[in-house]
PDB file of N, CA and C in Angstrom:
ATOM      1  N   MET A   1      18.245 -61.498 -36.617  1.00  0.00           N
ATOM      2  CA  MET A   1      19.571 -61.517 -36.008  1.00  0.00           C
ATOM      3  C   MET A   1      19.513 -60.826 -34.651  1.00  0.00           C
ATOM      4  N   ARG A   2      20.090 -61.453 -33.642  1.00  0.00           N
ATOM      5  CA  ARG A   2      20.076 -60.871 -32.302  1.00  0.00           C
ATOM      6  C   ARG A   2      21.088 -59.746 -32.191  1.00  0.00           C
ATOM      7  N   ASN A   3      20.704 -58.711 -31.479  1.00  0.00           N
ATOM      8  CA  ASN A   3      21.621 -57.609 -31.203  1.00  0.00           C
ATOM      9  C   ASN A   3      22.474 -58.015 -30.004  1.00  0.00           C
ATOM     10  N   LYS A   4      23.763 -58.264 -30.230  1.00  0.00           N
ATOM     11  CA  LYS A   4      24.650 -58.730 -29.154  1.00  0.00           C
ATOM     12  C   LYS A   4      24.756 -57.722 -28.019  1.00  0.00           C
ATOM     13  N   PHE A   5      24.635 -56.443 -28.344  1.00  0.00           N
ATOM     14  CA  PHE A   5      24.775 -55.417 -27.311  1.00  0.00           C
ATOM     15  C   PHE A   5      23.670 -55.517 -26.272  1.00  0.00           C
ATOM     16  N   LYS A   6      22.439 -55.743 -26.711  1.00  0.00           N
ATOM     17  CA  LYS A   6      21.307 -55.735 -25.783  1.00  0.00           C
ATOM     18  C   LYS A   6      21.104 -57.070 -25.081  1.00  0.00           C
ATOM     19  N   SER A   7      21.859 -58.067 -25.469  1.00  0.00           N
ATOM     20  CA  SER A   7      21.701 -59.375 -24.861  1.00  0.00           C
ATOM     21  C   SER A   7      22.097 -59.332 -23.390  1.00  0.00           C
ATOM     22  N   PRO A   8      21.206 -59.747 -22.491  1.00  0.00           N
ATOM     23  CA  PRO A   8      21.552 -59.744 -21.064  1.00  0.00           C
ATOM     24  C   PRO A   8      22.474 -60.904 -20.704  1.00  0.00           C
ATOM     25  N   TYR A   9      22.633 -61.872 -21.587  1.00  0.00           N
ATOM     26  CA  TYR A   9      23.423 -63.057 -21.300  1.00  0.00           C
ATOM     27  C   TYR A   9      24.753 -63.017 -22.044  1.00  0.00           C
ATOM     28  N   ARG A  10      25.804 -63.337 -21.339  1.00  0.00           N
ATOM     29  CA  ARG A  10      27.113 -63.509 -21.964  1.00  0.00           C
ATOM     30  C   ARG A  10      27.638 -64.870 -21.523  1.00  0.00           C
ATOM     31  N   ALA A  11      28.167 -65.624 -22.455  1.00  0.00           N
ATOM     32  CA  ALA A  11      28.780 -66.898 -22.095  1.00  0.00           C
ATOM     33  C   ALA A  11      29.942 -66.611 -21.144  1.00  0.00           C
ATOM     34  N   THR A  12      30.131 -67.464 -20.204  1.00  0.00           N
ATOM     35  CA  THR A  12      31.180 -67.222 -19.212  1.00  0.00           C
ATOM     36  C   THR A  12      32.529 -67.776 -19.638  1.00  0.00           C
ATOM     37  N   LYS A  13      32.591 -68.515 -20.738  1.00  0.00           N
ATOM     38  CA  LYS A  13      33.858 -69.095 -21.174  1.00  0.00           C
ATOM     39  C   LYS A  13      34.712 -68.027 -21.837  1.00  0.00           C
ATOM     40  N   THR A  14      35.876 -67.817 -21.253  1.00  0.00           N
ATOM     41  CA  THR A  14      36.795 -66.801 -21.760  1.00  0.00           C
ATOM     42  C   THR A  14      38.206 -67.374 -21.798  1.00  0.00           C
ATOM     43  N   TYR A  15      39.077 -66.654 -22.446  1.00  0.00           N
ATOM     44  CA  TYR A  15      40.498 -66.980 -22.435  1.00  0.00           C
ATOM     45  C   TYR A  15      41.268 -65.671 -22.456  1.00  0.00           C
ATOM     46  N   VAL A  16      42.545 -65.722 -22.131  1.00  0.00           N
ATOM     47  CA  VAL A  16      43.394 -64.545 -22.167  1.00  0.00           C
ATOM     48  C   VAL A  16      44.175 -64.613 -23.476  1.00  0.00           C
ATOM     49  N   ASN A  17      44.020 -63.572 -24.309  1.00  0.00           N
ATOM     50  CA  ASN A  17      44.680 -63.576 -25.616  1.00  0.00           C
ATOM     51  C   ASN A  17      46.164 -63.214 -25.491  1.00  0.00           C
ATOM     52  N   GLY A  18      46.853 -63.204 -26.602  1.00  0.00           N
ATOM     53  CA  GLY A  18      48.286 -62.940 -26.616  1.00  0.00           C
ATOM     54  C   GLY A  18      48.672 -61.560 -26.142  1.00  0.00           C
ATOM     55  N   ASN A  19      47.721 -60.618 -26.136  1.00  0.00           N
ATOM     56  CA  ASN A  19      47.975 -59.259 -25.656  1.00  0.00           C
ATOM     57  C   ASN A  19      47.636 -59.094 -24.181  1.00  0.00           C
ATOM     58  N   GLY A  20      47.168 -60.167 -23.537  1.00  0.00           N
ATOM     59  CA  GLY A  20      46.880 -60.127 -22.106  1.00  0.00           C
ATOM     60  C   GLY A  20      45.466 -59.719 -21.735  1.00  0.00           C
ATOM     61  N   TYR A  21      44.560 -59.640 -22.717  1.00  0.00           N
ATOM     62  CA  TYR A  21      43.169 -59.262 -22.454  1.00  0.00           C
ATOM     63  C   TYR A  21      42.282 -60.495 -22.428  1.00  0.00           C
ATOM     64  N   ARG A  22      41.288 -60.495 -21.527  1.00  0.00           N
ATOM     65  CA  ARG A  22      40.312 -61.580 -21.471  1.00  0.00           C
ATOM     66  C   ARG A  22      39.316 -61.389 -22.619  1.00  0.00           C
ATOM     67  N   VAL A  23      39.017 -62.493 -23.314  1.00  0.00           N
ATOM     68  CA  VAL A  23      38.168 -62.471 -24.504  1.00  0.00           C
ATOM     69  C   VAL A  23      37.134 -63.587 -24.397  1.00  0.00           C
ATOM     70  N   PHE A  24      35.886 -63.322 -24.844  1.00  0.00           N
ATOM     71  CA  PHE A  24      34.864 -64.358 -24.881  1.00  0.00           C
ATOM     72  C   PHE A  24      35.196 -65.350 -25.986  1.00  0.00           C
ATOM     73  N   LYS A  25      35.187 -66.647 -25.650  1.00  0.00           N
ATOM     74  CA  LYS A  25      35.526 -67.685 -26.629  1.00  0.00           C
ATOM     75  C   LYS A  25      34.511 -67.741 -27.768  1.00  0.00           C
ATOM     76  N   ASP A  26      33.234 -67.556 -27.457  1.00  0.00           N
ATOM     77  CA  ASP A  26      32.203 -67.748 -28.472  1.00  0.00           C
ATOM     78  C   ASP A  26      32.150 -66.644 -29.516  1.00  0.00           C
ATOM     79  N   SER A  27      32.569 -65.441 -29.158  1.00  0.00           N
ATOM     80  CA  SER A  27      32.413 -64.309 -30.077  1.00  0.00           C
ATOM     81  C   SER A  27      33.723 -63.613 -30.432  1.00  0.00           C
ATOM     82  N   GLY A  28      34.757 -63.810 -29.613  1.00  0.00           N
ATOM     83  CA  GLY A  28      36.010 -63.098 -29.840  1.00  0.00           C
ATOM     84  C   GLY A  28      35.972 -61.665 -29.344  1.00  0.00           C
ATOM     85  N   ILE A  29      34.902 -61.273 -28.672  1.00  0.00           N
ATOM     86  CA  ILE A  29      34.758 -59.910 -28.144  1.00  0.00           C
ATOM     87  C   ILE A  29      35.559 -59.794 -26.852  1.00  0.00           C
ATOM     88  N   SER A  30      36.300 -58.705 -26.718  1.00  0.00           N
ATOM     89  CA  SER A  30      37.060 -58.451 -25.499  1.00  0.00           C
ATOM     90  C   SER A  30      36.094 -58.159 -24.355  1.00  0.00           C
ATOM     91  N   VAL A  31      36.343 -58.800 -23.223  1.00  0.00           N
ATOM     92  CA  VAL A  31      35.471 -58.645 -22.058  1.00  0.00           C
ATOM     93  C   VAL A  31      35.439 -57.191 -21.602  1.00  0.00           C
ATOM     94  N   HIS A  32      36.587 -56.520 -21.579  1.00  0.00           N
ATOM     95  CA  HIS A  32      36.612 -55.134 -21.093  1.00  0.00           C
ATOM     96  C   HIS A  32      35.797 -54.212 -22.007  1.00  0.00           C
ATOM     97  N   ARG A  33      35.786 -54.470 -23.296  1.00  0.00           N
ATOM     98  CA  ARG A  33      34.985 -53.649 -24.214  1.00  0.00           C
ATOM     99  C   ARG A  33      33.491 -53.919 -23.998  1.00  0.00           C
ATOM    100  N   HIS A  34      33.141 -55.176 -23.784  1.00  0.00           N
ATOM    101  CA  HIS A  34      31.738 -55.524 -23.523  1.00  0.00           C
ATOM    102  C   HIS A  34      31.246 -54.856 -22.238  1.00  0.00           C
ATOM    103  N   ILE A  35      32.061 -54.921 -21.187  1.00  0.00           N
ATOM    104  CA  ILE A  35      31.662 -54.319 -19.906  1.00  0.00           C
ATOM    105  C   ILE A  35      31.572 -52.801 -20.035  1.00  0.00           C
ATOM    106  N   ALA A  36      32.479 -52.192 -20.787  1.00  0.00           N
ATOM    107  CA  ALA A  36      32.410 -50.740 -21.001  1.00  0.00           C
ATOM    108  C   ALA A  36      31.119 -50.368 -21.713  1.00  0.00           C
ATOM    109  N   GLU A  37      30.701 -51.164 -22.677  1.00  0.00           N
ATOM    110  CA  GLU A  37      29.437 -50.902 -23.375  1.00  0.00           C
ATOM    111  C   GLU A  37      28.269 -50.977 -22.411  1.00  0.00           C
ATOM    112  N   GLN A  38      28.280 -51.975 -21.546  1.00  0.00           N
ATOM    113  CA  GLN A  38      27.205 -52.106 -20.564  1.00  0.00           C
ATOM    114  C   GLN A  38      27.203 -50.897 -19.612  1.00  0.00           C
ATOM    115  N   LYS A  39      28.373 -50.466 -19.203  1.00  0.00           N
ATOM    116  CA  LYS A  39      28.491 -49.316 -18.309  1.00  0.00           C
ATOM    117  C   LYS A  39      27.954 -48.050 -18.964  1.00  0.00           C
ATOM    118  N   LEU A  40      28.291 -47.865 -20.250  1.00  0.00           N
ATOM    119  CA  LEU A  40      27.834 -46.674 -20.979  1.00  0.00           C
ATOM    120  C   LEU A  40      26.371 -46.769 -21.384  1.00  0.00           C
ATOM    121  N   GLY A  41      25.863 -47.980 -21.513  1.00  0.00           N
ATOM    122  CA  GLY A  41      24.488 -48.178 -21.973  1.00  0.00           C
ATOM    123  C   GLY A  41      24.356 -48.027 -23.483  1.00  0.00           C
ATOM    124  N   ARG A  42      25.467 -48.223 -24.194  1.00  0.00           N
ATOM    125  CA  ARG A  42      25.452 -48.109 -25.656  1.00  0.00           C
ATOM    126  C   ARG A  42      26.672 -48.833 -26.218  1.00  0.00           C
ATOM    127  N   PRO A  43      26.628 -49.170 -27.509  1.00  0.00           N
ATOM    128  CA  PRO A  43      27.820 -49.762 -28.121  1.00  0.00           C
ATOM    129  C   PRO A  43      28.944 -48.732 -28.195  1.00  0.00           C
ATOM    130  N   LEU A  44      30.169 -49.208 -28.146  1.00  0.00           N
ATOM    131  CA  LEU A  44      31.307 -48.309 -28.321  1.00  0.00           C
ATOM    132  C   LEU A  44      31.321 -47.796 -29.753  1.00  0.00           C
ATOM    133  N   LYS A  45      31.716 -46.552 -29.909  1.00  0.00           N
ATOM    134  CA  LYS A  45      31.843 -45.961 -31.237  1.00  0.00           C
ATOM    135  C   LYS A  45      33.167 -46.378 -31.854  1.00  0.00           C
ATOM    136  N   ASP A  46      33.236 -46.310 -33.175  1.00  0.00           N
ATOM    137  CA  ASP A  46      34.492 -46.600 -33.857  1.00  0.00           C
ATOM    138  C   ASP A  46      35.576 -45.689 -33.311  1.00  0.00           C
ATOM    139  N   GLY A  47      36.701 -46.271 -32.983  1.00  0.00           N
ATOM    140  CA  GLY A  47      37.842 -45.499 -32.510  1.00  0.00           C
ATOM    141  C   GLY A  47      37.910 -45.312 -31.008  1.00  0.00           C
ATOM    142  N   GLU A  48      36.824 -45.548 -30.275  1.00  0.00           N
ATOM    143  CA  GLU A  48      36.873 -45.391 -28.823  1.00  0.00           C
ATOM    144  C   GLU A  48      37.783 -46.465 -28.223  1.00  0.00           C
ATOM    145  N   VAL A  49      38.544 -46.065 -27.206  1.00  0.00           N
ATOM    146  CA  VAL A  49      39.527 -46.948 -26.565  1.00  0.00           C
ATOM    147  C   VAL A  49      39.155 -47.121 -25.098  1.00  0.00           C
ATOM    148  N   VAL A  50      39.096 -48.365 -24.661  1.00  0.00           N
ATOM    149  CA  VAL A  50      38.801 -48.667 -23.264  1.00  0.00           C
ATOM    150  C   VAL A  50      40.118 -48.806 -22.513  1.00  0.00           C
ATOM    151  N   HIS A  51      40.254 -48.018 -21.453  1.00  0.00           N
ATOM    152  CA  HIS A  51      41.479 -47.937 -20.659  1.00  0.00           C
ATOM    153  C   HIS A  51      41.243 -48.553 -19.291  1.00  0.00           C
ATOM    154  N   HIS A  52      42.189 -49.381 -18.840  1.00  0.00           N
ATOM    155  CA  HIS A  52      42.154 -49.927 -17.481  1.00  0.00           C
ATOM    156  C   HIS A  52      42.898 -48.943 -16.579  1.00  0.00           C
ATOM    157  N   LYS A  53      42.176 -48.325 -15.674  1.00  0.00           N
ATOM    158  CA  LYS A  53      42.765 -47.291 -14.818  1.00  0.00           C
ATOM    159  C   LYS A  53      43.964 -47.796 -14.031  1.00  0.00           C
ATOM    160  N   ASP A  54      43.895 -49.021 -13.525  1.00  0.00           N
ATOM    161  CA  ASP A  54      45.003 -49.551 -12.723  1.00  0.00           C
ATOM    162  C   ASP A  54      46.042 -50.280 -13.572  1.00  0.00           C
ATOM    163  N   ARG A  55      45.872 -50.256 -14.879  1.00  0.00           N
ATOM    164  CA  ARG A  55      46.769 -50.871 -15.872  1.00  0.00           C
ATOM    165  C   ARG A  55      46.766 -52.394 -15.814  1.00  0.00           C
ATOM    166  N   ASN A  56      45.859 -52.984 -15.037  1.00  0.00           N
ATOM    167  CA  ASN A  56      45.724 -54.439 -14.961  1.00  0.00           C
ATOM    168  C   ASN A  56      44.698 -54.861 -16.006  1.00  0.00           C
ATOM    169  N   LYS A  57      45.156 -55.472 -17.082  1.00  0.00           N
ATOM    170  CA  LYS A  57      44.281 -55.840 -18.196  1.00  0.00           C
ATOM    171  C   LYS A  57      43.231 -56.878 -17.816  1.00  0.00           C
ATOM    172  N   LEU A  58      43.406 -57.538 -16.704  1.00  0.00           N
ATOM    173  CA  LEU A  58      42.446 -58.549 -16.274  1.00  0.00           C
ATOM    174  C   LEU A  58      41.440 -58.013 -15.264  1.00  0.00           C
ATOM    175  N   ASN A  59      41.613 -56.778 -14.802  1.00  0.00           N
ATOM    176  CA  ASN A  59      40.660 -56.166 -13.873  1.00  0.00           C
ATOM    177  C   ASN A  59      39.599 -55.441 -14.693  1.00  0.00           C
ATOM    178  N   ASN A  60      38.532 -56.166 -15.002  1.00  0.00           N
ATOM    179  CA  ASN A  60      37.473 -55.618 -15.848  1.00  0.00           C
ATOM    180  C   ASN A  60      36.291 -55.081 -15.054  1.00  0.00           C
ATOM    181  N   SER A  61      36.540 -54.673 -13.835  1.00  0.00           N
ATOM    182  CA  SER A  61      35.494 -54.047 -13.031  1.00  0.00           C
ATOM    183  C   SER A  61      35.053 -52.751 -13.719  1.00  0.00           C
ATOM    184  N   PRO A  62      33.756 -52.488 -13.809  1.00  0.00           N
ATOM    185  CA  PRO A  62      33.300 -51.257 -14.457  1.00  0.00           C
ATOM    186  C   PRO A  62      33.956 -49.998 -13.890  1.00  0.00           C
ATOM    187  N   SER A  63      34.218 -49.984 -12.596  1.00  0.00           N
ATOM    188  CA  SER A  63      34.834 -48.797 -11.991  1.00  0.00           C
ATOM    189  C   SER A  63      36.302 -48.634 -12.404  1.00  0.00           C
ATOM    190  N   ASN A  64      36.900 -49.679 -12.943  1.00  0.00           N
ATOM    191  CA  ASN A  64      38.296 -49.622 -13.375  1.00  0.00           C
ATOM    192  C   ASN A  64      38.437 -49.266 -14.853  1.00  0.00           C
ATOM    193  N   LEU A  65      37.324 -49.154 -15.556  1.00  0.00           N
ATOM    194  CA  LEU A  65      37.369 -48.899 -16.995  1.00  0.00           C
ATOM    195  C   LEU A  65      36.997 -47.455 -17.314  1.00  0.00           C
ATOM    196  N   TYR A  66      37.747 -46.871 -18.234  1.00  0.00           N
ATOM    197  CA  TYR A  66      37.484 -45.506 -18.694  1.00  0.00           C
ATOM    198  C   TYR A  66      37.536 -45.531 -20.218  1.00  0.00           C
ATOM    199  N   VAL A  67      36.595 -44.876 -20.859  1.00  0.00           N
ATOM    200  CA  VAL A  67      36.538 -44.868 -22.321  1.00  0.00           C
ATOM    201  C   VAL A  67      37.055 -43.537 -22.844  1.00  0.00           C
ATOM    202  N   PHE A  68      38.121 -43.610 -23.633  1.00  0.00           N
ATOM    203  CA  PHE A  68      38.661 -42.442 -24.322  1.00  0.00           C
ATOM    204  C   PHE A  68      38.040 -42.357 -25.711  1.00  0.00           C
ATOM    205  N   PRO A  69      37.866 -41.148 -26.231  1.00  0.00           N
ATOM    206  CA  PRO A  69      37.232 -41.000 -27.551  1.00  0.00           C
ATOM    207  C   PRO A  69      38.093 -41.527 -28.699  1.00  0.00           C
ATOM    208  N   ASN A  70      39.405 -41.609 -28.481  1.00  0.00           N
ATOM    209  CA  ASN A  70      40.298 -42.097 -29.540  1.00  0.00           C
ATOM    210  C   ASN A  70      41.643 -42.502 -28.929  1.00  0.00           C
ATOM    211  N   GLN A  71      42.485 -43.122 -29.754  1.00  0.00           N
ATOM    212  CA  GLN A  71      43.782 -43.605 -29.284  1.00  0.00           C
ATOM    213  C   GLN A  71      44.692 -42.448 -28.875  1.00  0.00           C
ATOM    214  N   GLN A  72      44.600 -41.315 -29.563  1.00  0.00           N
ATOM    215  CA  GLN A  72      45.458 -40.175 -29.230  1.00  0.00           C
ATOM    216  C   GLN A  72      45.154 -39.663 -27.816  1.00  0.00           C
ATOM    217  N   ALA A  73      43.888 -39.556 -27.471  1.00  0.00           N
ATOM    218  CA  ALA A  73      43.525 -39.113 -26.120  1.00  0.00           C
ATOM    219  C   ALA A  73      44.018 -40.116 -25.072  1.00  0.00           C
ATOM    220  N   HIS A  74      43.933 -41.391 -25.388  1.00  0.00           N
ATOM    221  CA  HIS A  74      44.420 -42.430 -24.492  1.00  0.00           C
ATOM    222  C   HIS A  74      45.931 -42.306 -24.309  1.00  0.00           C
ATOM    223  N   TRP A  75      46.652 -42.141 -25.396  1.00  0.00           N
ATOM    224  CA  TRP A  75      48.102 -42.002 -25.322  1.00  0.00           C
ATOM    225  C   TRP A  75      48.494 -40.735 -24.562  1.00  0.00           C
ATOM    226  N   ASN A  76      47.740 -39.659 -24.750  1.00  0.00           N
ATOM    227  CA  ASN A  76      48.029 -38.416 -24.029  1.00  0.00           C
ATOM    228  C   ASN A  76      47.935 -38.619 -22.517  1.00  0.00           C
ATOM    229  N   ALA A  77      46.986 -39.426 -22.063  1.00  0.00           N
ATOM    230  CA  ALA A  77      46.865 -39.711 -20.628  1.00  0.00           C
ATOM    231  C   ALA A  77      48.105 -40.439 -20.124  1.00  0.00           C
ATOM    232  N   HIS A  78      48.598 -41.387 -20.906  1.00  0.00           N
ATOM    233  CA  HIS A  78      49.821 -42.090 -20.513  1.00  0.00           C
ATOM    234  C   HIS A  78      51.021 -41.146 -20.523  1.00  0.00           C
ATOM    235  N   LYS A  79      51.064 -40.244 -21.477  1.00  0.00           N
ATOM    236  CA  LYS A  79      52.175 -39.279 -21.523  1.00  0.00           C
ATOM    237  C   LYS A  79      52.138 -38.348 -20.317  1.00  0.00           C
ATOM    238  N   GLN A  80      50.948 -37.926 -19.899  1.00  0.00           N
ATOM    239  CA  GLN A  80      50.826 -37.075 -18.714  1.00  0.00           C
ATOM    240  C   GLN A  80      51.301 -37.826 -17.473  1.00  0.00           C
ATOM    241  N   ASP A  81      50.912 -39.099 -17.350  1.00  0.00           N
ATOM    242  CA  ASP A  81      51.380 -39.915 -16.224  1.00  0.00           C
ATOM    243  C   ASP A  81      52.898 -40.062 -16.262  1.00  0.00           C
ATOM    244  N   TYR A  82      53.431 -40.250 -17.457  1.00  0.00           N
ATOM    245  CA  TYR A  82      54.882 -40.401 -17.618  1.00  0.00           C
ATOM    246  C   TYR A  82      55.599 -39.132 -17.159  1.00  0.00           C
ATOM    247  N   ALA A  83      55.085 -37.974 -17.591  1.00  0.00           N
ATOM    248  CA  ALA A  83      55.724 -36.701 -17.233  1.00  0.00           C
ATOM    249  C   ALA A  83      55.659 -36.455 -15.723  1.00  0.00           C
ATOM    250  N   LYS A  84      54.573 -36.870 -15.101  1.00  0.00           N
ATOM    251  CA  LYS A  84      54.376 -36.609 -13.681  1.00  0.00           C
ATOM    252  C   LYS A  84      55.023 -37.658 -12.776  1.00  0.00           C
ATOM    253  N   TYR A  85      54.923 -38.949 -13.175  1.00  0.00           N
ATOM    254  CA  TYR A  85      55.345 -40.034 -12.286  1.00  0.00           C
ATOM    255  C   TYR A  85      56.448 -40.932 -12.838  1.00  0.00           C
ATOM    256  N   GLY A  86      56.706 -40.873 -14.134  1.00  0.00           N
ATOM    257  CA  GLY A  86      57.716 -41.740 -14.741  1.00  0.00           C
ATOM    258  C   GLY A  86      57.101 -42.856 -15.556  1.00  0.00           C
ATOM    259  N   MET A  87      57.936 -43.479 -16.376  1.00  0.00           N
ATOM    260  CA  MET A  87      57.469 -44.504 -17.307  1.00  0.00           C
ATOM    261  C   MET A  87      56.874 -45.714 -16.608  1.00  0.00           C
ATOM    262  N   LYS A  88      57.505 -46.172 -15.543  1.00  0.00           N
ATOM    263  CA  LYS A  88      57.009 -47.369 -14.873  1.00  0.00           C
ATOM    264  C   LYS A  88      55.574 -47.165 -14.396  1.00  0.00           C
ATOM    265  N   TYR A  89      55.282 -46.025 -13.795  1.00  0.00           N
ATOM    266  CA  TYR A  89      53.925 -45.731 -13.341  1.00  0.00           C
ATOM    267  C   TYR A  89      52.974 -45.636 -14.529  1.00  0.00           C
ATOM    268  N   SER A  90      53.412 -44.972 -15.579  1.00  0.00           N
ATOM    269  CA  SER A  90      52.553 -44.761 -16.735  1.00  0.00           C
ATOM    270  C   SER A  90      52.093 -46.070 -17.350  1.00  0.00           C
ATOM    271  N   LEU A  91      52.955 -47.046 -17.376  1.00  0.00           N
ATOM    272  CA  LEU A  91      52.617 -48.305 -18.027  1.00  0.00           C
ATOM    273  C   LEU A  91      52.052 -49.356 -17.089  1.00  0.00           C
ATOM    274  N   THR A  92      52.446 -49.335 -15.817  1.00  0.00           N
ATOM    275  CA  THR A  92      52.020 -50.403 -14.916  1.00  0.00           C
ATOM    276  C   THR A  92      51.004 -49.960 -13.872  1.00  0.00           C
ATOM    277  N   GLY A  93      50.859 -48.677 -13.651  1.00  0.00           N
ATOM    278  CA  GLY A  93      49.874 -48.205 -12.690  1.00  0.00           C
ATOM    279  C   GLY A  93      50.420 -48.039 -11.291  1.00  0.00           C
ATOM    280  N   LYS A  94      49.658 -47.349 -10.480  1.00  0.00           N
ATOM    281  CA  LYS A  94      50.075 -46.996  -9.128  1.00  0.00           C
ATOM    282  C   LYS A  94      50.315 -48.219  -8.256  1.00  0.00           C
ATOM    283  N   ASN A  95      49.384 -49.173  -8.256  1.00  0.00           N
ATOM    284  CA  ASN A  95      49.494 -50.327  -7.363  1.00  0.00           C
ATOM    285  C   ASN A  95      50.728 -51.159  -7.660  1.00  0.00           C
ATOM    286  N   LYS A  96      51.007 -51.430  -8.911  1.00  0.00           N
ATOM    287  CA  LYS A  96      52.183 -52.226  -9.268  1.00  0.00           C
ATOM    288  C   LYS A  96      53.451 -51.422  -9.036  1.00  0.00           C
ATOM    289  N   TYR A  97      53.369 -50.118  -9.258  1.00  0.00           N
ATOM    290  CA  TYR A  97      54.543 -49.255  -9.118  1.00  0.00           C
ATOM    291  C   TYR A  97      54.994 -49.215  -7.662  1.00  0.00           C
ATOM    292  N   GLN A  98      54.061 -49.243  -6.735  1.00  0.00           N
ATOM    293  CA  GLN A  98      54.388 -49.138  -5.309  1.00  0.00           C
ATOM    294  C   GLN A  98      54.959 -50.436  -4.750  1.00  0.00           C
ATOM    295  N   GLN A  99      54.803 -51.544  -5.429  1.00  0.00           N
ATOM    296  CA  GLN A  99      55.286 -52.836  -4.915  1.00  0.00           C
ATOM    297  C   GLN A  99      56.764 -52.973  -5.087  1.00  0.00           C
TER     298      GLN A  99
END
């Protein structure tokens, strides 16, 4: 059985799922999670959450992805943004908020 993590090849066929994330058609793996694994050089651990810094679910650039150890840490980051900048910024990000 091939280890999907170490595979240098990924099929380019993707679709955007109902939650707004790009997903590989052949495997059902979220593109942002796959790219985060490549960035880290290891598979994601159970419970780790990949966060889009600019809140754009389709911007899967490695520099835009941050891995939180769990959902609570991820939510805490959004709460800190909410307390400092407001709900709109916390959920949509700086670039969308400024428009």
